[in-house]
Amino acid sequence: HVQLVESGGGSVQAGGSLRLECVVSGATYAFYCMGWFRQGADKEREGVASIDHDGTTTYADSVLGRFTASRDNGLYLQMDNLKPEDTATYYCAANWYFASTMETLGVMNPNSYKWWGQGTQVTVS
């Protein structure tokens, strides 16, 4: 019932920027904790950034200072100073902010999230 659709990925050179958008439909955004995750080839999915229903953000150390998550009904990830190691498929995700997994696993754990987008590819060369 909740649909997430990512867009904004592409191929850029190191040092470039991309802005990802996740369009959320089917529910009220205000009740969601939302996050960005990425998965590189032959790697596990890892948390990139999360923004809670109250606007509180959390970032992976690897992107802190370079990526900025925001929300305005949709979910956005501004990615600056991209590096080759940022190459991955990026996914947006959401769950009720009061979901028990948010408390037990944390907002940066992919297993905390219920709804996922299809992913958008980011390639940095």
PDB file of N, CA and C in Angstrom:
ATOM      1  N   HIS A   1       0.818  -1.202   0.000  1.00  0.00           N
ATOM      2  CA  HIS A   1       0.000   0.000   0.000  1.00  0.00           C
ATOM      3  C   HIS A   1       0.852   1.251   0.000  1.00  0.00           C
ATOM      4  N   VAL A   2       2.037   1.162   0.566  1.00  0.00           N
ATOM      5  CA  VAL A   2       2.974   2.260   0.557  1.00  0.00           C
ATOM      6  C   VAL A   2       3.985   1.997  -0.549  1.00  0.00           C
ATOM      7  N   GLN A   3       4.110   2.940  -1.447  1.00  0.00           N
ATOM      8  CA  GLN A   3       5.026   2.807  -2.564  1.00  0.00           C
ATOM      9  C   GLN A   3       6.127   3.855  -2.481  1.00  0.00           C
ATOM     10  N   LEU A   4       7.351   3.418  -2.712  1.00  0.00           N
ATOM     11  CA  LEU A   4       8.504   4.296  -2.733  1.00  0.00           C
ATOM     12  C   LEU A   4       9.184   4.145  -4.088  1.00  0.00           C
ATOM     13  N   VAL A   5       9.468   5.250  -4.729  1.00  0.00           N
ATOM     14  CA  VAL A   5      10.112   5.238  -6.032  1.00  0.00           C
ATOM     15  C   VAL A   5      11.285   6.204  -6.017  1.00  0.00           C
ATOM     16  N   GLU A   6      12.486   5.672  -6.215  1.00  0.00           N
ATOM     17  CA  GLU A   6      13.687   6.496  -6.232  1.00  0.00           C
ATOM     18  C   GLU A   6      13.968   7.014  -7.636  1.00  0.00           C
ATOM     19  N   SER A   7      14.627   8.145  -7.683  1.00  0.00           N
ATOM     20  CA  SER A   7      15.110   8.688  -8.939  1.00  0.00           C
ATOM     21  C   SER A   7      16.301   9.591  -8.648  1.00  0.00           C
ATOM     22  N   GLY A   8      17.007   9.960  -9.689  1.00  0.00           N
ATOM     23  CA  GLY A   8      18.108  10.893  -9.553  1.00  0.00           C
ATOM     24  C   GLY A   8      19.481  10.279  -9.651  1.00  0.00           C
ATOM     25  N   GLY A   9      19.560   8.966  -9.738  1.00  0.00           N
ATOM     26  CA  GLY A   9      20.851   8.330  -9.879  1.00  0.00           C
ATOM     27  C   GLY A   9      21.436   8.567 -11.256  1.00  0.00           C
ATOM     28  N   GLY A  10      22.674   8.188 -11.407  1.00  0.00           N
ATOM     29  CA  GLY A  10      23.357   8.362 -12.670  1.00  0.00           C
ATOM     30  C   GLY A  10      24.841   8.140 -12.515  1.00  0.00           C
ATOM     31  N   SER A  11      25.565   8.502 -13.546  1.00  0.00           N
ATOM     32  CA  SER A  11      27.019   8.364 -13.560  1.00  0.00           C
ATOM     33  C   SER A  11      27.664   9.735 -13.508  1.00  0.00           C
ATOM     34  N   VAL A  12      28.569   9.908 -12.567  1.00  0.00           N
ATOM     35  CA  VAL A  12      29.278  11.173 -12.407  1.00  0.00           C
ATOM     36  C   VAL A  12      30.746  10.897 -12.142  1.00  0.00           C
ATOM     37  N   GLN A  13      31.549  11.900 -12.362  1.00  0.00           N
ATOM     38  CA  GLN A  13      32.956  11.805 -12.030  1.00  0.00           C
ATOM     39  C   GLN A  13      33.179  12.145 -10.568  1.00  0.00           C
ATOM     40  N   ALA A  14      34.258  11.650 -10.035  1.00  0.00           N
ATOM     41  CA  ALA A  14      34.595  11.937  -8.649  1.00  0.00           C
ATOM     42  C   ALA A  14      34.591  13.442  -8.398  1.00  0.00           C
ATOM     43  N   GLY A  15      34.014  13.814  -7.274  1.00  0.00           N
ATOM     44  CA  GLY A  15      33.882  15.215  -6.938  1.00  0.00           C
ATOM     45  C   GLY A  15      32.571  15.833  -7.361  1.00  0.00           C
ATOM     46  N   GLY A  16      31.814  15.119  -8.158  1.00  0.00           N
ATOM     47  CA  GLY A  16      30.543  15.616  -8.625  1.00  0.00           C
ATOM     48  C   GLY A  16      29.431  15.437  -7.608  1.00  0.00           C
ATOM     49  N   SER A  17      28.242  15.835  -8.009  1.00  0.00           N
ATOM     50  CA  SER A  17      27.088  15.798  -7.117  1.00  0.00           C
ATOM     51  C   SER A  17      25.894  15.155  -7.793  1.00  0.00           C
ATOM     52  N   LEU A  18      25.058  14.565  -6.984  1.00  0.00           N
ATOM     53  CA  LEU A  18      23.773  14.048  -7.413  1.00  0.00           C
ATOM     54  C   LEU A  18      22.760  14.319  -6.313  1.00  0.00           C
ATOM     55  N   ARG A  19      21.526  14.429  -6.709  1.00  0.00           N
ATOM     56  CA  ARG A  19      20.443  14.593  -5.752  1.00  0.00           C
ATOM     57  C   ARG A  19      19.415  13.501  -6.009  1.00  0.00           C
ATOM     58  N   LEU A  20      19.256  12.640  -5.039  1.00  0.00           N
ATOM     59  CA  LEU A  20      18.296  11.558  -5.143  1.00  0.00           C
ATOM     60  C   LEU A  20      16.967  11.981  -4.536  1.00  0.00           C
ATOM     61  N   GLU A  21      15.914  11.495  -5.133  1.00  0.00           N
ATOM     62  CA  GLU A  21      14.583  11.756  -4.627  1.00  0.00           C
ATOM     63  C   GLU A  21      13.839  10.441  -4.473  1.00  0.00           C
ATOM     64  N   CYS A  22      13.089  10.343  -3.424  1.00  0.00           N
ATOM     65  CA  CYS A  22      12.228   9.197  -3.194  1.00  0.00           C
ATOM     66  C   CYS A  22      10.807   9.717  -3.048  1.00  0.00           C
ATOM     67  N   VAL A  23       9.982   9.377  -3.997  1.00  0.00           N
ATOM     68  CA  VAL A  23       8.589   9.782  -3.957  1.00  0.00           C
ATOM     69  C   VAL A  23       7.796   8.749  -3.172  1.00  0.00           C
ATOM     70  N   VAL A  24       7.076   9.223  -2.195  1.00  0.00           N
ATOM     71  CA  VAL A  24       6.310   8.352  -1.309  1.00  0.00           C
ATOM     72  C   VAL A  24       4.836   8.561  -1.577  1.00  0.00           C
ATOM     73  N   SER A  25       4.131   7.481  -1.776  1.00  0.00           N
ATOM     74  CA  SER A  25       2.697   7.554  -1.993  1.00  0.00           C
ATOM     75  C   SER A  25       1.997   6.478  -1.182  1.00  0.00           C
ATOM     76  N   GLY A  26       0.737   6.709  -0.923  1.00  0.00           N
ATOM     77  CA  GLY A  26      -0.078   5.702  -0.267  1.00  0.00           C
ATOM     78  C   GLY A  26      -0.245   5.860   1.230  1.00  0.00           C
ATOM     79  N   ALA A  27       0.422   6.833   1.818  1.00  0.00           N
ATOM     80  CA  ALA A  27       0.323   7.038   3.254  1.00  0.00           C
ATOM     81  C   ALA A  27       0.764   8.445   3.595  1.00  0.00           C
ATOM     82  N   THR A  28       0.624   8.771   4.850  1.00  0.00           N
ATOM     83  CA  THR A  28       1.011  10.081   5.341  1.00  0.00           C
ATOM     84  C   THR A  28       2.477  10.073   5.749  1.00  0.00           C
ATOM     85  N   TYR A  29       3.261  10.962   5.152  1.00  0.00           N
ATOM     86  CA  TYR A  29       4.698  10.990   5.407  1.00  0.00           C
ATOM     87  C   TYR A  29       5.052  11.281   6.854  1.00  0.00           C
ATOM     88  N   ALA A  30       4.205  12.024   7.518  1.00  0.00           N
ATOM     89  CA  ALA A  30       4.519  12.498   8.854  1.00  0.00           C
ATOM     90  C   ALA A  30       4.701  11.374   9.869  1.00  0.00           C
ATOM     91  N   PHE A  31       4.188  10.213   9.578  1.00  0.00           N
ATOM     92  CA  PHE A  31       4.277   9.094  10.508  1.00  0.00           C
ATOM     93  C   PHE A  31       5.470   8.182  10.243  1.00  0.00           C
ATOM     94  N   TYR A  32       6.283   8.492   9.265  1.00  0.00           N
ATOM     95  CA  TYR A  32       7.363   7.609   8.864  1.00  0.00           C
ATOM     96  C   TYR A  32       8.725   8.068   9.343  1.00  0.00           C
ATOM     97  N   CYS A  33       9.526   7.102   9.729  1.00  0.00           N
ATOM     98  CA  CYS A  33      10.967   7.274   9.724  1.00  0.00           C
ATOM     99  C   CYS A  33      11.455   6.788   8.362  1.00  0.00           C
ATOM    100  N   MET A  34      12.303   7.553   7.727  1.00  0.00           N
ATOM    101  CA  MET A  34      12.749   7.227   6.386  1.00  0.00           C
ATOM    102  C   MET A  34      14.266   7.181   6.335  1.00  0.00           C
ATOM    103  N   GLY A  35      14.764   6.383   5.410  1.00  0.00           N
ATOM    104  CA  GLY A  35      16.199   6.233   5.317  1.00  0.00           C
ATOM    105  C   GLY A  35      16.681   5.973   3.912  1.00  0.00           C
ATOM    106  N   TRP A  36      17.965   6.219   3.717  1.00  0.00           N
ATOM    107  CA  TRP A  36      18.668   5.873   2.495  1.00  0.00           C
ATOM    108  C   TRP A  36      19.682   4.784   2.800  1.00  0.00           C
ATOM    109  N   PHE A  37      19.694   3.779   1.958  1.00  0.00           N
ATOM    110  CA  PHE A  37      20.622   2.672   2.072  1.00  0.00           C
ATOM    111  C   PHE A  37      21.293   2.450   0.730  1.00  0.00           C
ATOM    112  N   ARG A  38      22.410   1.783   0.757  1.00  0.00           N
ATOM    113  CA  ARG A  38      23.084   1.470  -0.495  1.00  0.00           C
ATOM    114  C   ARG A  38      23.682   0.077  -0.427  1.00  0.00           C
ATOM    115  N   GLN A  39      23.821  -0.496  -1.591  1.00  0.00           N
ATOM    116  CA  GLN A  39      24.382  -1.827  -1.691  1.00  0.00           C
ATOM    117  C   GLN A  39      25.276  -1.891  -2.920  1.00  0.00           C
ATOM    118  N   GLY A  40      26.552  -2.062  -2.680  1.00  0.00           N
ATOM    119  CA  GLY A  40      27.496  -2.241  -3.763  1.00  0.00           C
ATOM    120  C   GLY A  40      27.542  -3.688  -4.197  1.00  0.00           C
ATOM    121  N   ALA A  41      28.246  -3.923  -5.290  1.00  0.00           N
ATOM    122  CA  ALA A  41      28.368  -5.276  -5.811  1.00  0.00           C
ATOM    123  C   ALA A  41      29.005  -6.192  -4.776  1.00  0.00           C
ATOM    124  N   ASP A  42      28.363  -7.304  -4.538  1.00  0.00           N
ATOM    125  CA  ASP A  42      28.870  -8.321  -3.618  1.00  0.00           C
ATOM    126  C   ASP A  42      29.059  -7.798  -2.197  1.00  0.00           C
ATOM    127  N   LYS A  43      28.263  -6.821  -1.815  1.00  0.00           N
ATOM    128  CA  LYS A  43      28.331  -6.271  -0.476  1.00  0.00           C
ATOM    129  C   LYS A  43      26.948  -6.270   0.166  1.00  0.00           C
ATOM    130  N   GLU A  44      26.953  -6.196   1.477  1.00  0.00           N
ATOM    131  CA  GLU A  44      25.696  -6.113   2.196  1.00  0.00           C
ATOM    132  C   GLU A  44      25.121  -4.708   2.122  1.00  0.00           C
ATOM    133  N   ARG A  45      23.829  -4.628   2.257  1.00  0.00           N
ATOM    134  CA  ARG A  45      23.180  -3.335   2.273  1.00  0.00           C
ATOM    135  C   ARG A  45      23.549  -2.589   3.554  1.00  0.00           C
ATOM    136  N   GLU A  46      23.906  -1.330   3.397  1.00  0.00           N
ATOM    137  CA  GLU A  46      24.337  -0.540   4.534  1.00  0.00           C
ATOM    138  C   GLU A  46      23.561   0.767   4.613  1.00  0.00           C
ATOM    139  N   GLY A  47      23.400   1.237   5.822  1.00  0.00           N
ATOM    140  CA  GLY A  47      22.731   2.501   6.031  1.00  0.00           C
ATOM    141  C   GLY A  47      23.603   3.664   5.603  1.00  0.00           C
ATOM    142  N   VAL A  48      22.998   4.629   4.949  1.00  0.00           N
ATOM    143  CA  VAL A  48      23.673   5.845   4.508  1.00  0.00           C
ATOM    144  C   VAL A  48      23.218   7.037   5.338  1.00  0.00           C
ATOM    145  N   ALA A  49      21.921   7.221   5.409  1.00  0.00           N
ATOM    146  CA  ALA A  49      21.359   8.338   6.148  1.00  0.00           C
ATOM    147  C   ALA A  49      19.926   8.020   6.507  1.00  0.00           C
ATOM    148  N   SER A  50      19.476   8.591   7.585  1.00  0.00           N
ATOM    149  CA  SER A  50      18.103   8.409   8.009  1.00  0.00           C
ATOM    150  C   SER A  50      17.570   9.738   8.520  1.00  0.00           C
ATOM    151  N   ILE A  51      16.302   9.938   8.325  1.00  0.00           N
ATOM    152  CA  ILE A  51      15.641  11.120   8.856  1.00  0.00           C
ATOM    153  C   ILE A  51      14.317  10.685   9.455  1.00  0.00           C
ATOM    154  N   ASP A  52      14.168  10.980  10.712  1.00  0.00           N
ATOM    155  CA  ASP A  52      12.996  10.551  11.450  1.00  0.00           C
ATOM    156  C   ASP A  52      11.825  11.495  11.178  1.00  0.00           C
ATOM    157  N   HIS A  53      10.690  11.122  11.720  1.00  0.00           N
ATOM    158  CA  HIS A  53       9.487  11.915  11.493  1.00  0.00           C
ATOM    159  C   HIS A  53       9.608  13.327  12.055  1.00  0.00           C
ATOM    160  N   ASP A  54      10.457  13.500  13.051  1.00  0.00           N
ATOM    161  CA  ASP A  54      10.629  14.818  13.651  1.00  0.00           C
ATOM    162  C   ASP A  54      11.788  15.599  13.036  1.00  0.00           C
ATOM    163  N   GLY A  55      12.401  15.053  11.980  1.00  0.00           N
ATOM    164  CA  GLY A  55      13.485  15.722  11.299  1.00  0.00           C
ATOM    165  C   GLY A  55      14.868  15.361  11.778  1.00  0.00           C
ATOM    166  N   THR A  56      14.978  14.537  12.782  1.00  0.00           N
ATOM    167  CA  THR A  56      16.275  14.121  13.281  1.00  0.00           C
ATOM    168  C   THR A  56      17.004  13.273  12.242  1.00  0.00           C
ATOM    169  N   THR A  57      18.235  13.628  11.944  1.00  0.00           N
ATOM    170  CA  THR A  57      19.011  12.920  10.932  1.00  0.00           C
ATOM    171  C   THR A  57      20.136  12.119  11.555  1.00  0.00           C
ATOM    172  N   THR A  58      20.484  11.047  10.884  1.00  0.00           N
ATOM    173  CA  THR A  58      21.598  10.198  11.253  1.00  0.00           C
ATOM    174  C   THR A  58      22.371   9.867   9.986  1.00  0.00           C
ATOM    175  N   TYR A  59      23.697   9.902  10.062  1.00  0.00           N
ATOM    176  CA  TYR A  59      24.524   9.649   8.895  1.00  0.00           C
ATOM    177  C   TYR A  59      25.597   8.618   9.191  1.00  0.00           C
ATOM    178  N   ALA A  60      25.902   7.838   8.181  1.00  0.00           N
ATOM    179  CA  ALA A  60      27.063   6.977   8.270  1.00  0.00           C
ATOM    180  C   ALA A  60      28.318   7.839   8.287  1.00  0.00           C
ATOM    181  N   ASP A  61      29.320   7.387   9.014  1.00  0.00           N
ATOM    182  CA  ASP A  61      30.556   8.152   9.097  1.00  0.00           C
ATOM    183  C   ASP A  61      31.175   8.392   7.719  1.00  0.00           C
ATOM    184  N   SER A  62      30.991   7.454   6.820  1.00  0.00           N
ATOM    185  CA  SER A  62      31.611   7.538   5.511  1.00  0.00           C
ATOM    186  C   SER A  62      31.040   8.655   4.635  1.00  0.00           C
ATOM    187  N   VAL A  63      29.847   9.146   4.966  1.00  0.00           N
ATOM    188  CA  VAL A  63      29.222  10.181   4.151  1.00  0.00           C
ATOM    189  C   VAL A  63      29.006  11.477   4.916  1.00  0.00           C
ATOM    190  N   LEU A  64      29.305  11.483   6.186  1.00  0.00           N
ATOM    191  CA  LEU A  64      29.081  12.659   7.014  1.00  0.00           C
ATOM    192  C   LEU A  64      29.839  13.856   6.449  1.00  0.00           C
ATOM    193  N   GLY A  65      29.136  14.953   6.276  1.00  0.00           N
ATOM    194  CA  GLY A  65      29.730  16.148   5.712  1.00  0.00           C
ATOM    195  C   GLY A  65      29.630  16.236   4.210  1.00  0.00           C
ATOM    196  N   ARG A  66      29.273  15.150   3.560  1.00  0.00           N
ATOM    197  CA  ARG A  66      29.133  15.133   2.111  1.00  0.00           C
ATOM    198  C   ARG A  66      27.690  14.928   1.658  1.00  0.00           C
ATOM    199  N   PHE A  67      26.940  14.155   2.409  1.00  0.00           N
ATOM    200  CA  PHE A  67      25.553  13.847   2.062  1.00  0.00           C
ATOM    201  C   PHE A  67      24.627  14.545   3.046  1.00  0.00           C
ATOM    202  N   THR A  68      23.476  14.957   2.552  1.00  0.00           N
ATOM    203  CA  THR A  68      22.474  15.592   3.388  1.00  0.00           C
ATOM    204  C   THR A  68      21.105  15.016   3.066  1.00  0.00           C
ATOM    205  N   ALA A  69      20.457  14.473   4.075  1.00  0.00           N
ATOM    206  CA  ALA A  69      19.107  13.959   3.914  1.00  0.00           C
ATOM    207  C   ALA A  69      18.106  15.019   4.331  1.00  0.00           C
ATOM    208  N   SER A  70      17.003  15.057   3.623  1.00  0.00           N
ATOM    209  CA  SER A  70      15.942  15.988   3.958  1.00  0.00           C
ATOM    210  C   SER A  70      14.617  15.382   3.549  1.00  0.00           C
ATOM    211  N   ARG A  71      13.562  15.961   4.038  1.00  0.00           N
ATOM    212  CA  ARG A  71      12.241  15.488   3.662  1.00  0.00           C
ATOM    213  C   ARG A  71      11.285  16.653   3.529  1.00  0.00           C
ATOM    214  N   ASP A  72      10.442  16.556   2.563  1.00  0.00           N
ATOM    215  CA  ASP A  72       9.389  17.523   2.325  1.00  0.00           C
ATOM    216  C   ASP A  72       8.288  16.756   1.624  1.00  0.00           C
ATOM    217  N   ASN A  73       7.647  15.905   2.380  1.00  0.00           N
ATOM    218  CA  ASN A  73       6.705  14.905   1.887  1.00  0.00           C
ATOM    219  C   ASN A  73       7.403  13.779   1.131  1.00  0.00           C
ATOM    220  N   GLY A  74       8.349  14.110   0.292  1.00  0.00           N
ATOM    221  CA  GLY A  74       9.247  13.132  -0.285  1.00  0.00           C
ATOM    222  C   GLY A  74      10.544  13.066   0.510  1.00  0.00           C
ATOM    223  N   LEU A  75      11.389  12.130   0.163  1.00  0.00           N
ATOM    224  CA  LEU A  75      12.679  11.954   0.800  1.00  0.00           C
ATOM    225  C   LEU A  75      13.764  12.310  -0.204  1.00  0.00           C
ATOM    226  N   TYR A  76      14.768  13.050   0.260  1.00  0.00           N
ATOM    227  CA  TYR A  76      15.815  13.521  -0.626  1.00  0.00           C
ATOM    228  C   TYR A  76      17.173  13.214  -0.022  1.00  0.00           C
ATOM    229  N   LEU A  77      18.132  13.012  -0.896  1.00  0.00           N
ATOM    230  CA  LEU A  77      19.512  12.838  -0.476  1.00  0.00           C
ATOM    231  C   LEU A  77      20.395  13.640  -1.414  1.00  0.00           C
ATOM    232  N   GLN A  78      20.932  14.731  -0.904  1.00  0.00           N
ATOM    233  CA  GLN A  78      21.894  15.525  -1.649  1.00  0.00           C
ATOM    234  C   GLN A  78      23.272  14.945  -1.419  1.00  0.00           C
ATOM    235  N   MET A  79      23.923  14.544  -2.486  1.00  0.00           N
ATOM    236  CA  MET A  79      25.226  13.904  -2.407  1.00  0.00           C
ATOM    237  C   MET A  79      26.246  14.796  -3.101  1.00  0.00           C
ATOM    238  N   ASP A  80      27.189  15.286  -2.332  1.00  0.00           N
ATOM    239  CA  ASP A  80      28.240  16.153  -2.844  1.00  0.00           C
ATOM    240  C   ASP A  80      29.592  15.489  -2.664  1.00  0.00           C
ATOM    241  N   ASN A  81      30.551  15.944  -3.453  1.00  0.00           N
ATOM    242  CA  ASN A  81      31.908  15.411  -3.384  1.00  0.00           C
ATOM    243  C   ASN A  81      31.916  13.889  -3.441  1.00  0.00           C
ATOM    244  N   LEU A  82      31.240  13.381  -4.435  1.00  0.00           N
ATOM    245  CA  LEU A  82      31.122  11.935  -4.571  1.00  0.00           C
ATOM    246  C   LEU A  82      32.466  11.287  -4.835  1.00  0.00           C
ATOM    247  N   LYS A  83      32.606  10.088  -4.309  1.00  0.00           N
ATOM    248  CA  LYS A  83      33.823   9.315  -4.439  1.00  0.00           C
ATOM    249  C   LYS A  83      33.518   7.984  -5.112  1.00  0.00           C
ATOM    250  N   PRO A  84      34.501   7.376  -5.741  1.00  0.00           N
ATOM    251  CA  PRO A  84      34.249   6.072  -6.372  1.00  0.00           C
ATOM    252  C   PRO A  84      33.670   5.046  -5.410  1.00  0.00           C
ATOM    253  N   GLU A  85      34.050   5.092  -4.158  1.00  0.00           N
ATOM    254  CA  GLU A  85      33.526   4.145  -3.199  1.00  0.00           C
ATOM    255  C   GLU A  85      32.057   4.359  -2.865  1.00  0.00           C
ATOM    256  N   ASP A  86      31.476   5.456  -3.354  1.00  0.00           N
ATOM    257  CA  ASP A  86      30.045   5.676  -3.198  1.00  0.00           C
ATOM    258  C   ASP A  86      29.231   4.919  -4.236  1.00  0.00           C
ATOM    259  N   THR A  87      29.887   4.317  -5.194  1.00  0.00           N
ATOM    260  CA  THR A  87      29.197   3.570  -6.239  1.00  0.00           C
ATOM    261  C   THR A  87      28.381   2.443  -5.626  1.00  0.00           C
ATOM    262  N   ALA A  88      27.106   2.428  -5.916  1.00  0.00           N
ATOM    263  CA  ALA A  88      26.204   1.434  -5.344  1.00  0.00           C
ATOM    264  C   ALA A  88      24.807   1.663  -5.898  1.00  0.00           C
ATOM    265  N   THR A  89      23.948   0.714  -5.626  1.00  0.00           N
ATOM    266  CA  THR A  89      22.527   0.931  -5.824  1.00  0.00           C
ATOM    267  C   THR A  89      21.970   1.541  -4.544  1.00  0.00           C
ATOM    268  N   TYR A  90      21.285   2.646  -4.681  1.00  0.00           N
ATOM    269  CA  TYR A  90      20.751   3.356  -3.532  1.00  0.00           C
ATOM    270  C   TYR A  90      19.257   3.108  -3.412  1.00  0.00           C
ATOM    271  N   TYR A  91      18.834   2.817  -2.215  1.00  0.00           N
ATOM    272  CA  TYR A  91      17.445   2.520  -1.933  1.00  0.00           C
ATOM    273  C   TYR A  91      16.900   3.473  -0.882  1.00  0.00           C
ATOM    274  N   CYS A  92      15.671   3.880  -1.056  1.00  0.00           N
ATOM    275  CA  CYS A  92      14.990   4.563   0.025  1.00  0.00           C
ATOM    276  C   CYS A  92      14.098   3.564   0.744  1.00  0.00           C
ATOM    277  N   ALA A  93      13.844   3.836   1.987  1.00  0.00           N
ATOM    278  CA  ALA A  93      13.081   2.919   2.812  1.00  0.00           C
ATOM    279  C   ALA A  93      12.280   3.701   3.836  1.00  0.00           C
ATOM    280  N   ALA A  94      11.242   3.074   4.335  1.00  0.00           N
ATOM    281  CA  ALA A  94      10.397   3.725   5.314  1.00  0.00           C
ATOM    282  C   ALA A  94       9.758   2.711   6.234  1.00  0.00           C
ATOM    283  N   ASN A  95       9.399   3.169   7.378  1.00  0.00           N
ATOM    284  CA  ASN A  95       8.614   2.389   8.316  1.00  0.00           C
ATOM    285  C   ASN A  95       7.963   3.363   9.276  1.00  0.00           C
ATOM    286  N   TRP A  96       6.955   2.885   9.945  1.00  0.00           N
ATOM    287  CA  TRP A  96       6.343   3.702  10.981  1.00  0.00           C
ATOM    288  C   TRP A  96       7.406   4.098  11.997  1.00  0.00           C
ATOM    289  N   TYR A  97       7.388   5.351  12.394  1.00  0.00           N
ATOM    290  CA  TYR A  97       8.423   5.808  13.323  1.00  0.00           C
ATOM    291  C   TYR A  97       8.349   5.088  14.664  1.00  0.00           C
ATOM    292  N   PHE A  98       7.180   4.587  14.998  1.00  0.00           N
ATOM    293  CA  PHE A  98       6.995   3.896  16.265  1.00  0.00           C
ATOM    294  C   PHE A  98       7.199   2.389  16.149  1.00  0.00           C
ATOM    295  N   ALA A  99       7.632   1.905  15.000  1.00  0.00           N
ATOM    296  CA  ALA A  99       7.895   0.482  14.840  1.00  0.00           C
ATOM    297  C   ALA A  99       8.930   0.019  15.849  1.00  0.00           C
ATOM    298  N   SER A 100       8.711  -1.159  16.385  1.00  0.00           N
ATOM    299  CA  SER A 100       9.600  -1.660  17.424  1.00  0.00           C
ATOM    300  C   SER A 100      11.031  -1.846  16.931  1.00  0.00           C
ATOM    301  N   THR A 101      11.198  -2.128  15.647  1.00  0.00           N
ATOM    302  CA  THR A 101      12.539  -2.329  15.112  1.00  0.00           C
ATOM    303  C   THR A 101      13.394  -1.068  15.186  1.00  0.00           C
ATOM    304  N   MET A 102      12.766   0.082  15.142  1.00  0.00           N
ATOM    305  CA  MET A 102      13.514   1.322  15.247  1.00  0.00           C
ATOM    306  C   MET A 102      14.192   1.427  16.609  1.00  0.00           C
ATOM    307  N   GLU A 103      13.541   0.902  17.604  1.00  0.00           N
ATOM    308  CA  GLU A 103      14.091   0.923  18.950  1.00  0.00           C
ATOM    309  C   GLU A 103      15.101  -0.196  19.166  1.00  0.00           C
ATOM    310  N   THR A 104      14.787  -1.377  18.671  1.00  0.00           N
ATOM    311  CA  THR A 104      15.636  -2.530  18.942  1.00  0.00           C
ATOM    312  C   THR A 104      16.839  -2.635  18.014  1.00  0.00           C
ATOM    313  N   LEU A 105      16.689  -2.252  16.752  1.00  0.00           N
ATOM    314  CA  LEU A 105      17.761  -2.381  15.773  1.00  0.00           C
ATOM    315  C   LEU A 105      18.397  -1.053  15.387  1.00  0.00           C
ATOM    316  N   GLY A 106      17.651   0.024  15.494  1.00  0.00           N
ATOM    317  CA  GLY A 106      18.171   1.324  15.146  1.00  0.00           C
ATOM    318  C   GLY A 106      17.797   1.751  13.743  1.00  0.00           C
ATOM    319  N   VAL A 107      17.879   3.028  13.488  1.00  0.00           N
ATOM    320  CA  VAL A 107      17.410   3.600  12.233  1.00  0.00           C
ATOM    321  C   VAL A 107      18.351   3.358  11.064  1.00  0.00           C
ATOM    322  N   MET A 108      19.561   2.905  11.322  1.00  0.00           N
ATOM    323  CA  MET A 108      20.519   2.646  10.263  1.00  0.00           C
ATOM    324  C   MET A 108      20.629   1.176   9.892  1.00  0.00           C
ATOM    325  N   ASN A 109      19.786   0.374  10.456  1.00  0.00           N
ATOM    326  CA  ASN A 109      19.762  -1.052  10.162  1.00  0.00           C
ATOM    327  C   ASN A 109      18.691  -1.318   9.118  1.00  0.00           C
ATOM    328  N   PRO A 110      19.031  -1.905   7.977  1.00  0.00           N
ATOM    329  CA  PRO A 110      18.009  -2.132   6.952  1.00  0.00           C
ATOM    330  C   PRO A 110      16.860  -3.014   7.418  1.00  0.00           C
ATOM    331  N   ASN A 111      17.107  -3.872   8.397  1.00  0.00           N
ATOM    332  CA  ASN A 111      16.050  -4.731   8.899  1.00  0.00           C
ATOM    333  C   ASN A 111      15.018  -3.978   9.727  1.00  0.00           C
ATOM    334  N   SER A 112      15.250  -2.704   9.982  1.00  0.00           N
ATOM    335  CA  SER A 112      14.286  -1.896  10.704  1.00  0.00           C
ATOM    336  C   SER A 112      13.165  -1.387   9.819  1.00  0.00           C
ATOM    337  N   TYR A 113      13.316  -1.530   8.517  1.00  0.00           N
ATOM    338  CA  TYR A 113      12.402  -0.892   7.580  1.00  0.00           C
ATOM    339  C   TYR A 113      11.484  -1.884   6.891  1.00  0.00           C
ATOM    340  N   LYS A 114      10.279  -1.421   6.650  1.00  0.00           N
ATOM    341  CA  LYS A 114       9.236  -2.269   6.092  1.00  0.00           C
ATOM    342  C   LYS A 114       9.044  -2.072   4.597  1.00  0.00           C
ATOM    343  N   TRP A 115       9.089  -0.830   4.145  1.00  0.00           N
ATOM    344  CA  TRP A 115       8.806  -0.518   2.749  1.00  0.00           C
ATOM    345  C   TRP A 115      10.073  -0.032   2.057  1.00  0.00           C
ATOM    346  N   TRP A 116      10.267  -0.517   0.836  1.00  0.00           N
ATOM    347  CA  TRP A 116      11.480  -0.229   0.079  1.00  0.00           C
ATOM    348  C   TRP A 116      11.171   0.163  -1.353  1.00  0.00           C
ATOM    349  N   GLY A 117      11.976   1.057  -1.874  1.00  0.00           N
ATOM    350  CA  GLY A 117      11.920   1.377  -3.276  1.00  0.00           C
ATOM    351  C   GLY A 117      12.695   0.369  -4.096  1.00  0.00           C
ATOM    352  N   GLN A 118      12.667   0.554  -5.408  1.00  0.00           N
ATOM    353  CA  GLN A 118      13.308  -0.403  -6.317  1.00  0.00           C
ATOM    354  C   GLN A 118      14.799  -0.160  -6.482  1.00  0.00           C
ATOM    355  N   GLY A 119      15.276   0.975  -6.060  1.00  0.00           N
ATOM    356  CA  GLY A 119      16.683   1.298  -6.160  1.00  0.00           C
ATOM    357  C   GLY A 119      17.015   2.158  -7.362  1.00  0.00           C
ATOM    358  N   THR A 120      18.040   2.968  -7.217  1.00  0.00           N
ATOM    359  CA  THR A 120      18.561   3.769  -8.312  1.00  0.00           C
ATOM    360  C   THR A 120      20.081   3.679  -8.278  1.00  0.00           C
ATOM    361  N   GLN A 121      20.674   3.492  -9.439  1.00  0.00           N
ATOM    362  CA  GLN A 121      22.103   3.244  -9.524  1.00  0.00           C
ATOM    363  C   GLN A 121      22.889   4.540  -9.513  1.00  0.00           C
ATOM    364  N   VAL A 122      23.911   4.564  -8.688  1.00  0.00           N
ATOM    365  CA  VAL A 122      24.859   5.672  -8.646  1.00  0.00           C
ATOM    366  C   VAL A 122      26.233   5.114  -8.971  1.00  0.00           C
ATOM    367  N   THR A 123      26.860   5.671  -9.986  1.00  0.00           N
ATOM    368  CA  THR A 123      28.184   5.232 -10.389  1.00  0.00           C
ATOM    369  C   THR A 123      29.111   6.438 -10.404  1.00  0.00           C
ATOM    370  N   VAL A 124      30.198   6.332  -9.684  1.00  0.00           N
ATOM    371  CA  VAL A 124      31.173   7.414  -9.587  1.00  0.00           C
ATOM    372  C   VAL A 124      32.499   6.891 -10.113  1.00  0.00           C
ATOM    373  N   SER A 125      33.055   7.576 -11.083  1.00  0.00           N
ATOM    374  CA  SER A 125      34.298   7.152 -11.692  1.00  0.00           C
ATOM    375  C   SER A 125      35.359   8.233 -11.612  1.00  0.00           C
TER     376      SER A 125
END
